[in-house]
């Protein structure tokens, strides 16, 4: 087995893992009951999925073309920073506007913070 073959297998594994997390995020967006659960699925699973796929792309370009593409790493870093923050801000804005939680939700931590004057 050559080194290129091993890197091709690793690239494939990272791509499959990334696609798995992306599909989990898509299913979460469809199946979960409220905006708070949906933003959690979108920000966590989709971020992991995109990061694995971008890392696979970095690995593939580096092995096949012997070029280190910093743009892919910057994309990976940008997604890592912005997707969870965006999901949090969307959920926070929905809570501020009064979008109700799912009827079976057990805890509303933002309401508890607001009641204590911490918000």
Protein backbone atom coordinates (compact mmCIF):
# COMPACT_ATOMS: atom_id res chain seq x y z
CA UNK A 1 0.00 0.00 0.00
CA UNK A 2 1.44 3.34 -1.00
CA UNK A 3 1.20 6.56 0.94
CA UNK A 4 -1.08 8.07 -1.71
CA UNK A 5 -3.49 5.17 -1.30
CA UNK A 6 -3.57 5.63 2.47
CA UNK A 7 -4.29 9.35 2.06
CA UNK A 8 -7.03 8.56 -0.48
CA UNK A 9 -8.64 6.20 2.03
CA UNK A 10 -8.38 8.85 4.77
CA UNK A 11 -9.91 11.42 2.44
CA UNK A 12 -12.79 9.07 1.72
CA UNK A 13 -13.32 8.32 5.42
CA UNK A 14 -13.36 12.04 6.32
CA UNK A 15 -15.79 12.72 3.47
CA UNK A 16 -18.14 9.92 4.55
CA UNK A 17 -18.06 11.15 8.16
CA UNK A 18 -18.78 14.70 6.98
CA UNK A 19 -21.68 13.56 4.83
CA UNK A 20 -23.06 11.55 7.76
CA UNK A 21 -23.08 14.60 10.04
CA UNK A 22 -24.61 16.75 7.30
CA UNK A 23 -27.40 14.22 6.76
CA UNK A 24 -28.00 14.07 10.53
CA UNK A 25 -28.29 17.88 10.53
CA UNK A 26 -30.77 17.78 7.64
CA UNK A 27 -32.87 15.14 9.39
CA UNK A 28 -32.75 17.22 12.57
CA UNK A 29 -34.01 20.27 10.72
CA UNK A 30 -36.95 18.28 9.42
CA UNK A 31 -37.83 16.18 12.46
CA UNK A 32 -37.14 18.33 15.52
CA UNK A 33 -40.14 20.13 17.02
CA UNK A 34 -39.13 23.76 17.58
CA UNK A 35 -36.72 26.41 16.40
CA UNK A 36 -34.43 25.93 19.39
CA UNK A 37 -33.87 22.24 18.71
CA UNK A 38 -33.51 22.91 15.00
CA UNK A 39 -30.84 25.57 15.47
CA UNK A 40 -28.97 23.17 17.73
CA UNK A 41 -29.02 20.49 15.04
CA UNK A 42 -28.05 22.94 12.32
CA UNK A 43 -25.22 24.55 14.23
CA UNK A 44 -23.63 21.47 15.77
CA UNK A 45 -24.05 18.67 13.23
CA UNK A 46 -23.78 20.79 10.12
CA UNK A 47 -20.62 22.44 11.45
CA UNK A 48 -19.00 19.08 12.08
CA UNK A 49 -20.10 17.84 8.66
CA UNK A 50 -18.71 20.83 6.80
CA UNK A 51 -15.48 20.71 8.79
CA UNK A 52 -14.87 17.05 7.96
CA UNK A 53 -15.60 17.60 4.25
CA UNK A 54 -13.34 20.67 4.10
CA UNK A 55 -10.57 18.81 5.90
CA UNK A 56 -10.93 15.97 3.39
CA UNK A 57 -10.63 18.55 0.60
CA UNK A 58 -7.48 20.02 2.20
CA UNK A 59 -5.98 16.54 2.46
CA UNK A 60 -6.93 15.65 -1.11
CA UNK A 61 -5.47 18.84 -2.64
CA UNK A 62 -2.32 18.51 -0.57
CA UNK A 63 -1.69 14.86 -1.58
CA UNK A 64 -2.81 14.99 -5.23
CA UNK A 65 -1.49 18.38 -6.30
CA UNK A 66 1.21 18.93 -3.66
CA UNK A 67 -0.34 22.32 -2.92
CA UNK A 68 -1.34 23.56 0.51
CA UNK A 69 -4.53 25.54 -0.05
CA UNK A 70 -4.92 28.00 2.78
CA UNK A 71 -8.33 29.09 1.46
CA UNK A 72 -9.80 25.73 2.46
CA UNK A 73 -8.36 26.05 5.95
CA UNK A 74 -9.69 29.59 6.21
CA UNK A 75 -13.10 28.28 5.16
CA UNK A 76 -12.88 25.58 7.80
CA UNK A 77 -11.91 28.13 10.45
CA UNK A 78 -14.67 30.54 9.33
CA UNK A 79 -17.35 27.84 9.57
CA UNK A 80 -16.04 26.75 12.96
CA UNK A 81 -16.39 30.28 14.32
CA UNK A 82 -19.56 31.52 12.65
CA UNK A 83 -22.00 28.58 12.49
CA UNK A 84 -22.37 27.94 16.25
CA UNK A 85 -22.49 31.66 17.01
CA UNK A 86 -25.11 32.18 14.30
CA UNK A 87 -27.23 29.33 15.65
CA UNK A 88 -27.01 30.74 19.16
CA UNK A 89 -27.99 34.23 18.00
CA UNK A 90 -30.94 32.91 15.99
CA UNK A 91 -32.23 30.98 19.02
CA UNK A 92 -31.69 33.99 21.27
CA UNK A 93 -33.55 36.28 18.86
CA UNK A 94 -36.43 33.79 18.65
CA UNK A 95 -36.63 33.67 22.45
CA UNK A 96 -36.56 37.47 22.67
CA UNK A 97 -39.41 37.70 20.14
CA UNK A 98 -41.45 35.22 22.16
CA UNK A 99 -41.34 32.15 19.94
CA UNK A 100 -42.71 29.39 22.17
CA UNK A 101 -40.70 26.36 23.20
CA UNK A 102 -41.92 22.88 22.39
CA UNK A 103 -44.75 21.87 24.72
CA UNK A 104 -42.68 19.05 26.26
CA UNK A 105 -39.61 21.19 26.97
CA UNK A 106 -38.40 20.77 30.52
CA UNK A 107 -36.43 23.95 31.08
CA UNK A 108 -36.26 27.50 29.76
CA UNK A 109 -32.85 28.69 30.93
CA UNK A 110 -33.12 32.06 29.19
CA UNK A 111 -36.41 32.81 30.96
CA UNK A 112 -34.84 31.85 34.28
CA UNK A 113 -31.91 34.21 33.59
CA UNK A 114 -34.29 37.00 32.61
CA UNK A 115 -36.30 36.49 35.79
CA UNK A 116 -33.11 36.77 37.87
CA UNK A 117 -32.06 39.91 35.98
CA UNK A 118 -28.99 38.26 34.44
CA UNK A 119 -29.92 38.90 30.83
